[in-house]
Amino acid sequence: MLAALVVAGAAALTGCQTTTTVTGPQPAQSPTTASTSAAADPTGTAPTTSSGSGSGSGSGQTQGERCTLDQLTASLGRTTGEAGQRHTAVVWTNTSRAACQMDGFGGVDLQGPDDPMGPTYSLPRSSETPQSFSLAPGQAAHTTITWLPPQDGSGWTPTWMLVTPPNETRSARVDWPGGAVLRQDGATHPGTYIGPVSPGAEG
């Protein structure tokens, strides 16, 4: 992915952890090798292919001006689930004075120690259908990260993540909530993926 330039941190949503915002272009990520076989997804929303998690819109068509990183502050929301898959929310708050439009999928790149698959784990998108909605000043939206802890062994523990709003090319840096992840780069049915952006601070 592209190398991020760190700029000023932005205010977090009430009850969410303060994060540091990063903007700027990121270098292309070198291809990674396929991972171990993926775990079954009980929700039926896991992606069927390991497509890249870079920014981009969904199938819906937006109305009005899209939300950009200049208008949004990213923060870390709650992590739920104890056994099996866990769910972490990345919260997007409109800190500008104007409403903007959100729809589709953004991107999430987990960053951590280097290993045979590299220091970056770019998460694929779920099969959920995205919706389009207006985000008024002060309102929040969220992206849910569904992630699979290792079934045995220590796994791979990210230190932070780069999160990208839909239709954007710049990213914000957000802390990782902690916990090891099972790397499944290139898996057909991975247990770790992201959902489309949705209204509200939590799902």
C-alpha atoms as a PDB file:
ATOM      1  CA  MET A   1       0.000   0.000   0.000  1.00  0.00           C
ATOM      2  CA  LEU A   2       0.993   3.652  -0.192  1.00  0.00           C
ATOM      3  CA  ALA A   3       3.445   5.108   2.428  1.00  0.00           C
ATOM      4  CA  ALA A   4       1.428   7.409   4.684  1.00  0.00           C
ATOM      5  CA  LEU A   5       2.440  10.890   5.790  1.00  0.00           C
ATOM      6  CA  VAL A   6       1.406  11.618   9.341  1.00  0.00           C
ATOM      7  CA  VAL A   7      -0.439  14.866  10.006  1.00  0.00           C
ATOM      8  CA  ALA A   8      -2.349  16.239  12.956  1.00  0.00           C
ATOM      9  CA  GLY A   9      -4.576  13.907  15.039  1.00  0.00           C
ATOM     10  CA  ALA A  10      -8.315  14.484  14.943  1.00  0.00           C
ATOM     11  CA  ALA A  11     -10.898  14.506  17.716  1.00  0.00           C
ATOM     12  CA  ALA A  12     -12.566  11.150  18.463  1.00  0.00           C
ATOM     13  CA  LEU A  13     -16.288  10.495  18.794  1.00  0.00           C
ATOM     14  CA  THR A  14     -17.548  10.449  22.392  1.00  0.00           C
ATOM     15  CA  GLY A  15     -16.711   7.050  23.916  1.00  0.00           C
ATOM     16  CA  CYS A  16     -14.184   6.263  21.179  1.00  0.00           C
ATOM     17  CA  GLN A  17     -10.422   6.284  21.408  1.00  0.00           C
ATOM     18  CA  THR A  18      -8.525   9.300  20.020  1.00  0.00           C
ATOM     19  CA  THR A  19      -6.656   8.540  16.830  1.00  0.00           C
ATOM     20  CA  THR A  20      -3.995  10.068  14.648  1.00  0.00           C
ATOM     21  CA  THR A  21      -4.959  11.050  11.131  1.00  0.00           C
ATOM     22  CA  VAL A  22      -2.712  10.275   8.216  1.00  0.00           C
ATOM     23  CA  THR A  23      -3.195  11.578   4.720  1.00  0.00           C
ATOM     24  CA  GLY A  24      -1.285  11.378   1.513  1.00  0.00           C
ATOM     25  CA  PRO A  25      -0.544   8.859  -1.221  1.00  0.00           C
ATOM     26  CA  GLN A  26       0.470   5.321  -0.390  1.00  0.00           C
ATOM     27  CA  PRO A  27       2.849   3.102  -2.395  1.00  0.00           C
ATOM     28  CA  ALA A  28       1.540   0.014  -4.120  1.00  0.00           C
ATOM     29  CA  GLN A  29       1.622  -3.112  -2.002  1.00  0.00           C
ATOM     30  CA  SER A  30       3.615  -6.003  -3.332  1.00  0.00           C
ATOM     31  CA  PRO A  31       1.559  -9.150  -3.973  1.00  0.00           C
ATOM     32  CA  THR A  32       1.217 -11.555  -1.084  1.00  0.00           C
ATOM     33  CA  THR A  33       1.001 -15.298  -1.154  1.00  0.00           C
ATOM     34  CA  ALA A  34      -2.162 -17.245  -0.425  1.00  0.00           C
ATOM     35  CA  SER A  35      -2.777 -18.034   3.229  1.00  0.00           C
ATOM     36  CA  THR A  36      -4.019 -21.061   5.075  1.00  0.00           C
ATOM     37  CA  SER A  37      -7.521 -22.307   4.343  1.00  0.00           C
ATOM     38  CA  ALA A  38     -10.241 -19.967   5.587  1.00  0.00           C
ATOM     39  CA  ALA A  39     -12.703 -20.605   8.369  1.00  0.00           C
ATOM     40  CA  ALA A  40     -16.412 -20.859   7.670  1.00  0.00           C
ATOM     41  CA  ASP A  41     -18.392 -17.666   8.051  1.00  0.00           C
ATOM     42  CA  PRO A  42     -21.520 -18.126  10.221  1.00  0.00           C
ATOM     43  CA  THR A  43     -23.051 -14.830   9.065  1.00  0.00           C
ATOM     44  CA  GLY A  44     -22.928 -15.631   5.355  1.00  0.00           C
ATOM     45  CA  THR A  45     -21.444 -12.219   4.603  1.00  0.00           C
ATOM     46  CA  ALA A  46     -17.841 -13.239   4.044  1.00  0.00           C
ATOM     47  CA  PRO A  47     -16.389 -12.357   0.640  1.00  0.00           C
ATOM     48  CA  THR A  48     -16.005 -15.127  -1.887  1.00  0.00           C
ATOM     49  CA  THR A  49     -12.828 -13.636  -3.328  1.00  0.00           C
ATOM     50  CA  SER A  50      -9.935 -11.826  -1.732  1.00  0.00           C
ATOM     51  CA  SER A  51     -10.325  -8.608  -3.703  1.00  0.00           C
ATOM     52  CA  GLY A  52      -8.319  -5.615  -2.520  1.00  0.00           C
ATOM     53  CA  SER A  53      -9.782  -3.414   0.198  1.00  0.00           C
ATOM     54  CA  GLY A  54      -8.782  -0.097  -1.363  1.00  0.00           C
ATOM     55  CA  SER A  55     -11.241   2.754  -1.392  1.00  0.00           C
ATOM     56  CA  GLY A  56     -14.156   2.759  -3.797  1.00  0.00           C
ATOM     57  CA  SER A  57     -17.909   3.119  -3.945  1.00  0.00           C
ATOM     58  CA  GLY A  58     -20.527   0.417  -3.845  1.00  0.00           C
ATOM     59  CA  SER A  59     -23.369  -0.273  -6.208  1.00  0.00           C
ATOM     60  CA  GLY A  60     -25.547   2.601  -5.000  1.00  0.00           C
ATOM     61  CA  GLN A  61     -25.263   6.044  -6.574  1.00  0.00           C
ATOM     62  CA  THR A  62     -24.580   8.952  -4.256  1.00  0.00           C
ATOM     63  CA  GLN A  63     -26.410  12.283  -4.313  1.00  0.00           C
ATOM     64  CA  GLY A  64     -24.576  15.543  -3.636  1.00  0.00           C
ATOM     65  CA  GLU A  65     -20.965  15.956  -2.555  1.00  0.00           C
ATOM     66  CA  ARG A  66     -19.193  12.859  -1.322  1.00  0.00           C
ATOM     67  CA  CYS A  67     -17.560  12.850   2.102  1.00  0.00           C
ATOM     68  CA  THR A  68     -13.807  13.376   1.974  1.00  0.00           C
ATOM     69  CA  LEU A  69     -11.131  12.964   4.603  1.00  0.00           C
ATOM     70  CA  ASP A  70     -11.094  16.760   4.978  1.00  0.00           C
ATOM     71  CA  GLN A  71     -14.591  16.490   6.461  1.00  0.00           C
ATOM     72  CA  LEU A  72     -14.210  13.263   8.418  1.00  0.00           C
ATOM     73  CA  THR A  73     -12.495  12.228  11.627  1.00  0.00           C
ATOM     74  CA  ALA A  74     -11.717   8.523  12.120  1.00  0.00           C
ATOM     75  CA  SER A  75     -11.749   6.932  15.563  1.00  0.00           C
ATOM     76  CA  LEU A  76     -11.772   3.478  17.092  1.00  0.00           C
ATOM     77  CA  GLY A  77     -15.169   2.167  18.177  1.00  0.00           C
ATOM     78  CA  ARG A  78     -16.136  -0.882  20.201  1.00  0.00           C
ATOM     79  CA  THR A  79     -14.860  -4.424  19.723  1.00  0.00           C
ATOM     80  CA  THR A  80     -17.406  -7.155  20.419  1.00  0.00           C
ATOM     81  CA  GLY A  81     -17.361 -10.936  20.397  1.00  0.00           C
ATOM     82  CA  GLU A  82     -15.205 -13.189  22.495  1.00  0.00           C
ATOM     83  CA  ALA A  83     -14.977 -16.589  20.795  1.00  0.00           C
ATOM     84  CA  GLY A  84     -14.648 -17.062  17.083  1.00  0.00           C
ATOM     85  CA  GLN A  85     -15.030 -13.952  14.942  1.00  0.00           C
ATOM     86  CA  ARG A  86     -14.766 -10.513  16.510  1.00  0.00           C
ATOM     87  CA  HIS A  87     -16.130  -7.198  15.288  1.00  0.00           C
ATOM     88  CA  THR A  88     -14.404  -3.817  15.561  1.00  0.00           C
ATOM     89  CA  ALA A  89     -16.025  -0.544  14.481  1.00  0.00           C
ATOM     90  CA  VAL A  90     -14.138   2.276  12.801  1.00  0.00           C
ATOM     91  CA  VAL A  91     -16.208   5.422  13.368  1.00  0.00           C
ATOM     92  CA  TRP A  92     -16.362   8.261  10.837  1.00  0.00           C
ATOM     93  CA  THR A  93     -17.586  11.588  12.247  1.00  0.00           C
ATOM     94  CA  ASN A  94     -18.479  14.547  10.050  1.00  0.00           C
ATOM     95  CA  THR A  95     -16.560  17.396  11.688  1.00  0.00           C
ATOM     96  CA  SER A  96     -17.282  19.892   8.905  1.00  0.00           C
ATOM     97  CA  ARG A  97     -20.111  22.421   8.674  1.00  0.00           C
ATOM     98  CA  ALA A  98     -21.779  20.799   5.665  1.00  0.00           C
ATOM     99  CA  ALA A  99     -23.585  17.529   5.064  1.00  0.00           C
ATOM    100  CA  CYS A 100     -21.940  15.046   2.720  1.00  0.00           C
ATOM    101  CA  GLN A 101     -22.843  11.759   1.100  1.00  0.00           C
ATOM    102  CA  MET A 102     -21.452   8.318   1.950  1.00  0.00           C
ATOM    103  CA  ASP A 103     -21.938   4.956   0.286  1.00  0.00           C
ATOM    104  CA  GLY A 104     -20.045   1.844  -0.623  1.00  0.00           C
ATOM    105  CA  PHE A 105     -16.903   0.350   0.818  1.00  0.00           C
ATOM    106  CA  GLY A 106     -13.784   2.058   2.029  1.00  0.00           C
ATOM    107  CA  GLY A 107     -10.510   0.303   2.749  1.00  0.00           C
ATOM    108  CA  VAL A 108      -8.749  -1.151   5.796  1.00  0.00           C
ATOM    109  CA  ASP A 109      -5.077  -2.117   5.820  1.00  0.00           C
ATOM    110  CA  LEU A 110      -3.804  -3.708   9.011  1.00  0.00           C
ATOM    111  CA  GLN A 111      -0.176  -2.774   9.690  1.00  0.00           C
ATOM    112  CA  GLY A 112       2.116  -4.828  11.888  1.00  0.00           C
ATOM    113  CA  PRO A 113       5.392  -6.697  12.180  1.00  0.00           C
ATOM    114  CA  ASP A 114       6.842  -8.163   9.034  1.00  0.00           C
ATOM    115  CA  ASP A 115       6.260 -11.863   8.438  1.00  0.00           C
ATOM    116  CA  PRO A 116       6.321 -14.159   5.382  1.00  0.00           C
ATOM    117  CA  MET A 117       3.159 -12.434   4.081  1.00  0.00           C
ATOM    118  CA  GLY A 118       4.533  -8.946   4.665  1.00  0.00           C
ATOM    119  CA  PRO A 119       3.779  -6.163   7.190  1.00  0.00           C
ATOM    120  CA  THR A 120       0.410  -5.201   5.630  1.00  0.00           C
ATOM    121  CA  TYR A 121      -2.837  -7.173   5.596  1.00  0.00           C
ATOM    122  CA  SER A 122      -5.327  -5.563   3.174  1.00  0.00           C
ATOM    123  CA  LEU A 123      -8.806  -6.736   4.084  1.00  0.00           C
ATOM    124  CA  PRO A 124     -11.333  -7.829   1.439  1.00  0.00           C
ATOM    125  CA  ARG A 125     -14.930  -6.610   1.316  1.00  0.00           C
ATOM    126  CA  SER A 126     -17.977  -8.538   2.473  1.00  0.00           C
ATOM    127  CA  SER A 127     -20.831  -9.524   0.160  1.00  0.00           C
ATOM    128  CA  GLU A 128     -23.244  -7.102   1.859  1.00  0.00           C
ATOM    129  CA  THR A 129     -25.099  -4.600  -0.324  1.00  0.00           C
ATOM    130  CA  PRO A 130     -24.029  -1.019   0.509  1.00  0.00           C
ATOM    131  CA  GLN A 131     -26.479   1.810   1.078  1.00  0.00           C
ATOM    132  CA  SER A 132     -26.241   5.520   0.310  1.00  0.00           C
ATOM    133  CA  PHE A 133     -26.976   8.071   3.007  1.00  0.00           C
ATOM    134  CA  SER A 134     -26.346  11.686   3.963  1.00  0.00           C
ATOM    135  CA  LEU A 135     -24.023  12.440   6.884  1.00  0.00           C
ATOM    136  CA  ALA A 136     -24.961  15.731   8.579  1.00  0.00           C
ATOM    137  CA  PRO A 137     -22.452  17.828  10.554  1.00  0.00           C
ATOM    138  CA  GLY A 138     -21.739  16.125  13.876  1.00  0.00           C
ATOM    139  CA  GLN A 139     -23.222  12.810  12.789  1.00  0.00           C
ATOM    140  CA  ALA A 140     -21.298   9.538  12.626  1.00  0.00           C
ATOM    141  CA  ALA A 141     -21.074   6.521  10.356  1.00  0.00           C
ATOM    142  CA  HIS A 142     -19.072   3.346  10.819  1.00  0.00           C
ATOM    143  CA  THR A 143     -17.225   0.574   9.052  1.00  0.00           C
ATOM    144  CA  THR A 144     -17.300  -2.833  10.751  1.00  0.00           C
ATOM    145  CA  ILE A 145     -14.172  -4.981  10.656  1.00  0.00           C
ATOM    146  CA  THR A 146     -14.949  -8.670  11.184  1.00  0.00           C
ATOM    147  CA  TRP A 147     -11.763 -10.479  12.129  1.00  0.00           C
ATOM    148  CA  LEU A 148     -10.774 -14.000  12.992  1.00  0.00           C
ATOM    149  CA  PRO A 149      -8.367 -14.704  15.879  1.00  0.00           C
ATOM    150  CA  PRO A 150      -5.848 -17.511  15.356  1.00  0.00           C
ATOM    151  CA  GLN A 151      -7.239 -20.982  16.004  1.00  0.00           C
ATOM    152  CA  ASP A 152      -3.936 -22.052  17.537  1.00  0.00           C
ATOM    153  CA  GLY A 153      -0.547 -20.465  18.027  1.00  0.00           C
ATOM    154  CA  SER A 154       0.290 -16.802  18.534  1.00  0.00           C
ATOM    155  CA  GLY A 155      -0.958 -15.518  15.169  1.00  0.00           C
ATOM    156  CA  TRP A 156      -0.090 -12.052  13.863  1.00  0.00           C
ATOM    157  CA  THR A 157      -0.870  -8.949  15.933  1.00  0.00           C
ATOM    158  CA  PRO A 158      -1.321  -5.625  14.084  1.00  0.00           C
ATOM    159  CA  THR A 159      -0.023  -2.469  15.735  1.00  0.00           C
ATOM    160  CA  TRP A 160      -2.314  -0.019  13.887  1.00  0.00           C
ATOM    161  CA  MET A 161      -4.374   0.280  10.718  1.00  0.00           C
ATOM    162  CA  LEU A 162      -4.890   2.616   7.784  1.00  0.00           C
ATOM    163  CA  VAL A 163      -8.583   3.254   7.134  1.00  0.00           C
ATOM    164  CA  THR A 164      -9.912   4.885   3.961  1.00  0.00           C
ATOM    165  CA  PRO A 165     -13.390   6.378   3.460  1.00  0.00           C
ATOM    166  CA  PRO A 166     -15.352   5.283   0.376  1.00  0.00           C
ATOM    167  CA  ASN A 167     -14.334   7.016  -2.852  1.00  0.00           C
ATOM    168  CA  GLU A 168     -11.187   8.445  -1.222  1.00  0.00           C
ATOM    169  CA  THR A 169      -7.493   7.959  -1.951  1.00  0.00           C
ATOM    170  CA  ARG A 170      -6.238   9.227   1.416  1.00  0.00           C
ATOM    171  CA  SER A 171      -6.245   7.307   4.673  1.00  0.00           C
ATOM    172  CA  ALA A 172      -6.379   7.916   8.419  1.00  0.00           C
ATOM    173  CA  ARG A 173      -4.264   6.058  10.951  1.00  0.00           C
ATOM    174  CA  VAL A 174      -6.195   4.382  13.775  1.00  0.00           C
ATOM    175  CA  ASP A 175      -4.911   2.217  16.611  1.00  0.00           C
ATOM    176  CA  TRP A 176      -5.593  -1.516  16.542  1.00  0.00           C
ATOM    177  CA  PRO A 177      -7.716  -2.608  19.547  1.00  0.00           C
ATOM    178  CA  GLY A 178      -5.388  -5.469  20.350  1.00  0.00           C
ATOM    179  CA  GLY A 179      -5.505  -9.175  19.695  1.00  0.00           C
ATOM    180  CA  ALA A 180      -3.848 -11.472  17.203  1.00  0.00           C
ATOM    181  CA  VAL A 181      -5.355 -12.059  13.750  1.00  0.00           C
ATOM    182  CA  LEU A 182      -5.267 -15.155  11.585  1.00  0.00           C
ATOM    183  CA  ARG A 183      -3.647 -14.069   8.309  1.00  0.00           C
ATOM    184  CA  GLN A 184      -5.667 -15.316   5.324  1.00  0.00           C
ATOM    185  CA  ASP A 185      -4.243 -13.251   2.477  1.00  0.00           C
ATOM    186  CA  GLY A 186      -5.647 -14.603  -0.777  1.00  0.00           C
ATOM    187  CA  ALA A 187      -8.102 -17.031   0.870  1.00  0.00           C
ATOM    188  CA  THR A 188     -11.301 -17.789  -1.050  1.00  0.00           C
ATOM    189  CA  HIS A 189     -13.615 -17.483   1.974  1.00  0.00           C
ATOM    190  CA  PRO A 190     -11.656 -15.467   4.562  1.00  0.00           C
ATOM    191  CA  GLY A 191     -12.958 -15.021   8.090  1.00  0.00           C
ATOM    192  CA  THR A 192     -11.581 -11.472   8.248  1.00  0.00           C
ATOM    193  CA  TYR A 193     -13.178  -8.758   6.089  1.00  0.00           C
ATOM    194  CA  ILE A 194     -14.830  -5.329   6.145  1.00  0.00           C
ATOM    195  CA  GLY A 195     -18.455  -4.311   5.711  1.00  0.00           C
ATOM    196  CA  PRO A 196     -19.826  -1.314   3.829  1.00  0.00           C
ATOM    197  CA  VAL A 197     -20.038   2.060   5.546  1.00  0.00           C
ATOM    198  CA  SER A 198     -23.294   2.339   7.524  1.00  0.00           C
ATOM    199  CA  PRO A 199     -25.083   5.148   9.431  1.00  0.00           C
ATOM    200  CA  GLY A 200     -24.484   5.522  13.170  1.00  0.00           C
ATOM    201  CA  ALA A 201     -21.484   5.071  15.427  1.00  0.00           C
ATOM    202  CA  GLU A 202     -22.061   1.337  15.868  1.00  0.00           C
ATOM    203  CA  GLY A 203     -23.782  -1.521  14.127  1.00  0.00           C
END
